[in-house]
Amino acid sequence: MTTSAAQPFTVLASVLLGAVALCAPFLQAVLDSEPLGWTGVGLAAIAAITGGTAARLSRTAFHKETRR
């Protein structure tokens, strides 16, 4: 599997757009959302770290060597 050099930037852009959607007052009215408190931010960070770690571990554990 090959990855693009722009992939980390696209993930970062997605996270930033999600944060803007939750925190920008004009988007809160449009999306009918409320800003997260510190508890919500902490839970979201834990979920993101856990999911990323699980994906990395499963990719490493089940990686098949390809021979050329």
N, C-alpha and C. Protein backbone atom coordinates (compact mmCIF):
# COMPACT_ATOMS: atom_id res chain seq x y z
N MET A 1 0.84 -1.17 0.00
CA MET A 1 0.00 0.00 0.00
C MET A 1 0.89 1.24 0.00
N THR A 2 0.61 2.14 -0.86
CA THR A 2 1.37 3.38 -0.90
C THR A 2 0.54 4.50 -0.31
N THR A 3 1.22 5.45 0.29
CA THR A 3 0.53 6.61 0.85
C THR A 3 1.06 7.86 0.19
N SER A 4 0.20 8.81 0.07
CA SER A 4 0.56 10.08 -0.53
C SER A 4 1.31 10.92 0.49
N ALA A 5 2.20 11.77 0.01
CA ALA A 5 2.93 12.67 0.90
C ALA A 5 1.99 13.70 1.52
N ALA A 6 0.85 13.94 0.89
CA ALA A 6 -0.10 14.93 1.40
C ALA A 6 -1.06 14.34 2.44
N GLN A 7 -1.01 13.04 2.68
CA GLN A 7 -1.97 12.41 3.58
C GLN A 7 -1.97 13.01 4.99
N PRO A 8 -0.83 13.23 5.64
CA PRO A 8 -0.88 13.84 6.97
C PRO A 8 -1.54 15.23 6.96
N PHE A 9 -1.34 15.97 5.89
CA PHE A 9 -1.93 17.30 5.81
C PHE A 9 -3.44 17.22 5.63
N THR A 10 -3.91 16.22 4.90
CA THR A 10 -5.36 16.08 4.71
C THR A 10 -6.04 15.65 6.01
N VAL A 11 -5.39 14.81 6.79
CA VAL A 11 -5.93 14.41 8.09
C VAL A 11 -5.97 15.61 9.02
N LEU A 12 -4.90 16.39 9.05
CA LEU A 12 -4.86 17.59 9.88
C LEU A 12 -5.93 18.58 9.47
N ALA A 13 -6.12 18.76 8.18
CA ALA A 13 -7.16 19.67 7.68
C ALA A 13 -8.54 19.20 8.11
N SER A 14 -8.78 17.90 8.08
CA SER A 14 -10.06 17.35 8.51
C SER A 14 -10.32 17.61 9.99
N VAL A 15 -9.30 17.41 10.81
CA VAL A 15 -9.43 17.66 12.25
C VAL A 15 -9.70 19.14 12.51
N LEU A 16 -8.96 20.00 11.82
CA LEU A 16 -9.16 21.45 12.02
C LEU A 16 -10.55 21.89 11.57
N LEU A 17 -11.04 21.37 10.46
CA LEU A 17 -12.38 21.72 10.01
C LEU A 17 -13.44 21.24 11.00
N GLY A 18 -13.24 20.07 11.56
CA GLY A 18 -14.16 19.58 12.59
C GLY A 18 -14.17 20.46 13.82
N ALA A 19 -12.97 20.91 14.23
CA ALA A 19 -12.88 21.80 15.39
C ALA A 19 -13.55 23.14 15.10
N VAL A 20 -13.35 23.67 13.90
CA VAL A 20 -13.99 24.93 13.53
C VAL A 20 -15.50 24.78 13.52
N ALA A 21 -15.99 23.64 13.03
CA ALA A 21 -17.43 23.41 12.99
C ALA A 21 -18.04 23.39 14.39
N LEU A 22 -17.28 22.92 15.37
CA LEU A 22 -17.78 22.88 16.74
C LEU A 22 -17.63 24.20 17.48
N CYS A 23 -16.62 24.99 17.13
CA CYS A 23 -16.29 26.17 17.93
C CYS A 23 -16.68 27.50 17.31
N ALA A 24 -16.84 27.58 16.01
CA ALA A 24 -17.17 28.85 15.36
C ALA A 24 -18.64 29.19 15.62
N PRO A 25 -18.91 30.37 16.19
CA PRO A 25 -20.30 30.70 16.55
C PRO A 25 -21.27 30.67 15.38
N PHE A 26 -20.87 31.15 14.20
CA PHE A 26 -21.80 31.14 13.08
C PHE A 26 -22.09 29.73 12.58
N LEU A 27 -21.13 28.81 12.72
CA LEU A 27 -21.39 27.43 12.33
C LEU A 27 -22.17 26.67 13.40
N GLN A 28 -22.04 27.09 14.66
CA GLN A 28 -22.82 26.45 15.72
C GLN A 28 -24.31 26.63 15.46
N ALA A 29 -24.69 27.82 14.98
CA ALA A 29 -26.10 28.07 14.69
C ALA A 29 -26.55 27.24 13.48
N VAL A 30 -25.71 27.17 12.46
CA VAL A 30 -26.07 26.43 11.25
C VAL A 30 -26.13 24.92 11.51
N LEU A 31 -25.14 24.40 12.24
CA LEU A 31 -25.05 22.96 12.49
C LEU A 31 -25.77 22.52 13.76
N ASP A 32 -26.32 23.48 14.50
CA ASP A 32 -27.02 23.21 15.75
C ASP A 32 -26.13 22.40 16.69
N SER A 33 -24.93 22.91 16.94
CA SER A 33 -23.97 22.22 17.81
C SER A 33 -23.61 23.12 18.98
N GLU A 34 -22.99 22.52 19.99
CA GLU A 34 -22.52 23.24 21.15
C GLU A 34 -21.04 22.91 21.34
N PRO A 35 -20.26 23.87 21.85
CA PRO A 35 -18.84 23.58 22.08
C PRO A 35 -18.68 22.53 23.18
N LEU A 36 -17.65 21.72 23.03
CA LEU A 36 -17.37 20.68 24.02
C LEU A 36 -16.72 21.30 25.25
N GLY A 37 -17.02 20.74 26.40
CA GLY A 37 -16.30 21.12 27.61
C GLY A 37 -14.99 20.35 27.67
N TRP A 38 -14.24 20.56 28.74
CA TRP A 38 -12.95 19.87 28.86
C TRP A 38 -13.13 18.37 28.95
N THR A 39 -14.22 17.92 29.55
CA THR A 39 -14.47 16.48 29.63
C THR A 39 -14.69 15.89 28.24
N GLY A 40 -15.48 16.58 27.44
CA GLY A 40 -15.73 16.11 26.08
C GLY A 40 -14.48 16.11 25.22
N VAL A 41 -13.66 17.14 25.38
CA VAL A 41 -12.40 17.21 24.63
C VAL A 41 -11.49 16.07 25.04
N GLY A 42 -11.41 15.80 26.34
CA GLY A 42 -10.58 14.70 26.83
C GLY A 42 -11.05 13.35 26.31
N LEU A 43 -12.37 13.13 26.34
CA LEU A 43 -12.91 11.87 25.83
C LEU A 43 -12.67 11.72 24.33
N ALA A 44 -12.81 12.81 23.60
CA ALA A 44 -12.56 12.75 22.15
C ALA A 44 -11.09 12.45 21.87
N ALA A 45 -10.19 13.05 22.64
CA ALA A 45 -8.76 12.80 22.46
C ALA A 45 -8.42 11.34 22.78
N ILE A 46 -8.99 10.82 23.85
CA ILE A 46 -8.75 9.42 24.21
C ILE A 46 -9.27 8.49 23.11
N ALA A 47 -10.45 8.78 22.59
CA ALA A 47 -11.02 7.95 21.52
C ALA A 47 -10.16 8.00 20.27
N ALA A 48 -9.66 9.19 19.92
CA ALA A 48 -8.83 9.33 18.72
C ALA A 48 -7.50 8.59 18.88
N ILE A 49 -6.89 8.72 20.04
CA ILE A 49 -5.61 8.05 20.29
C ILE A 49 -5.80 6.54 20.30
N THR A 50 -6.87 6.07 20.94
CA THR A 50 -7.14 4.63 21.00
C THR A 50 -7.40 4.07 19.61
N GLY A 51 -8.21 4.77 18.83
CA GLY A 51 -8.51 4.30 17.47
C GLY A 51 -7.28 4.30 16.59
N GLY A 52 -6.48 5.34 16.68
CA GLY A 52 -5.25 5.41 15.88
C GLY A 52 -4.26 4.32 16.26
N THR A 53 -4.13 4.08 17.56
CA THR A 53 -3.22 3.04 18.03
C THR A 53 -3.71 1.66 17.61
N ALA A 54 -5.01 1.41 17.69
CA ALA A 54 -5.55 0.12 17.27
C ALA A 54 -5.34 -0.11 15.78
N ALA A 55 -5.54 0.94 14.98
CA ALA A 55 -5.32 0.80 13.54
C ALA A 55 -3.86 0.52 13.23
N ARG A 56 -2.97 1.21 13.92
CA ARG A 56 -1.53 1.01 13.70
C ARG A 56 -1.11 -0.39 14.12
N LEU A 57 -1.61 -0.85 15.26
CA LEU A 57 -1.24 -2.19 15.73
C LEU A 57 -1.79 -3.27 14.82
N SER A 58 -3.02 -3.12 14.35
CA SER A 58 -3.57 -4.15 13.47
C SER A 58 -2.86 -4.15 12.12
N ARG A 59 -2.45 -2.99 11.65
CA ARG A 59 -1.71 -2.94 10.39
C ARG A 59 -0.36 -3.62 10.55
N THR A 60 0.29 -3.39 11.68
CA THR A 60 1.60 -3.99 11.92
C THR A 60 1.47 -5.49 12.15
N ALA A 61 0.46 -5.91 12.90
CA ALA A 61 0.30 -7.33 13.23
C ALA A 61 -0.07 -8.17 12.02
N PHE A 62 -0.84 -7.62 11.11
CA PHE A 62 -1.32 -8.40 9.98
C PHE A 62 -0.69 -8.00 8.65
N HIS A 63 0.44 -7.32 8.71
CA HIS A 63 1.12 -6.87 7.50
C HIS A 63 1.76 -8.08 6.82
N LYS A 64 1.51 -8.22 5.53
CA LYS A 64 2.11 -9.29 4.75
C LYS A 64 3.26 -8.72 3.93
N GLU A 65 4.36 -9.41 3.96
CA GLU A 65 5.50 -9.00 3.15
C GLU A 65 5.19 -9.29 1.68
N THR A 66 5.47 -8.34 0.84
CA THR A 66 5.31 -8.55 -0.59
C THR A 66 6.69 -8.70 -1.20
N ARG A 67 6.83 -9.68 -2.03
CA ARG A 67 8.13 -9.91 -2.67
C ARG A 67 8.04 -9.44 -4.11
N ARG A 68 9.11 -8.87 -4.56
CA ARG A 68 9.15 -8.36 -5.94
C ARG A 68 9.93 -9.28 -6.81
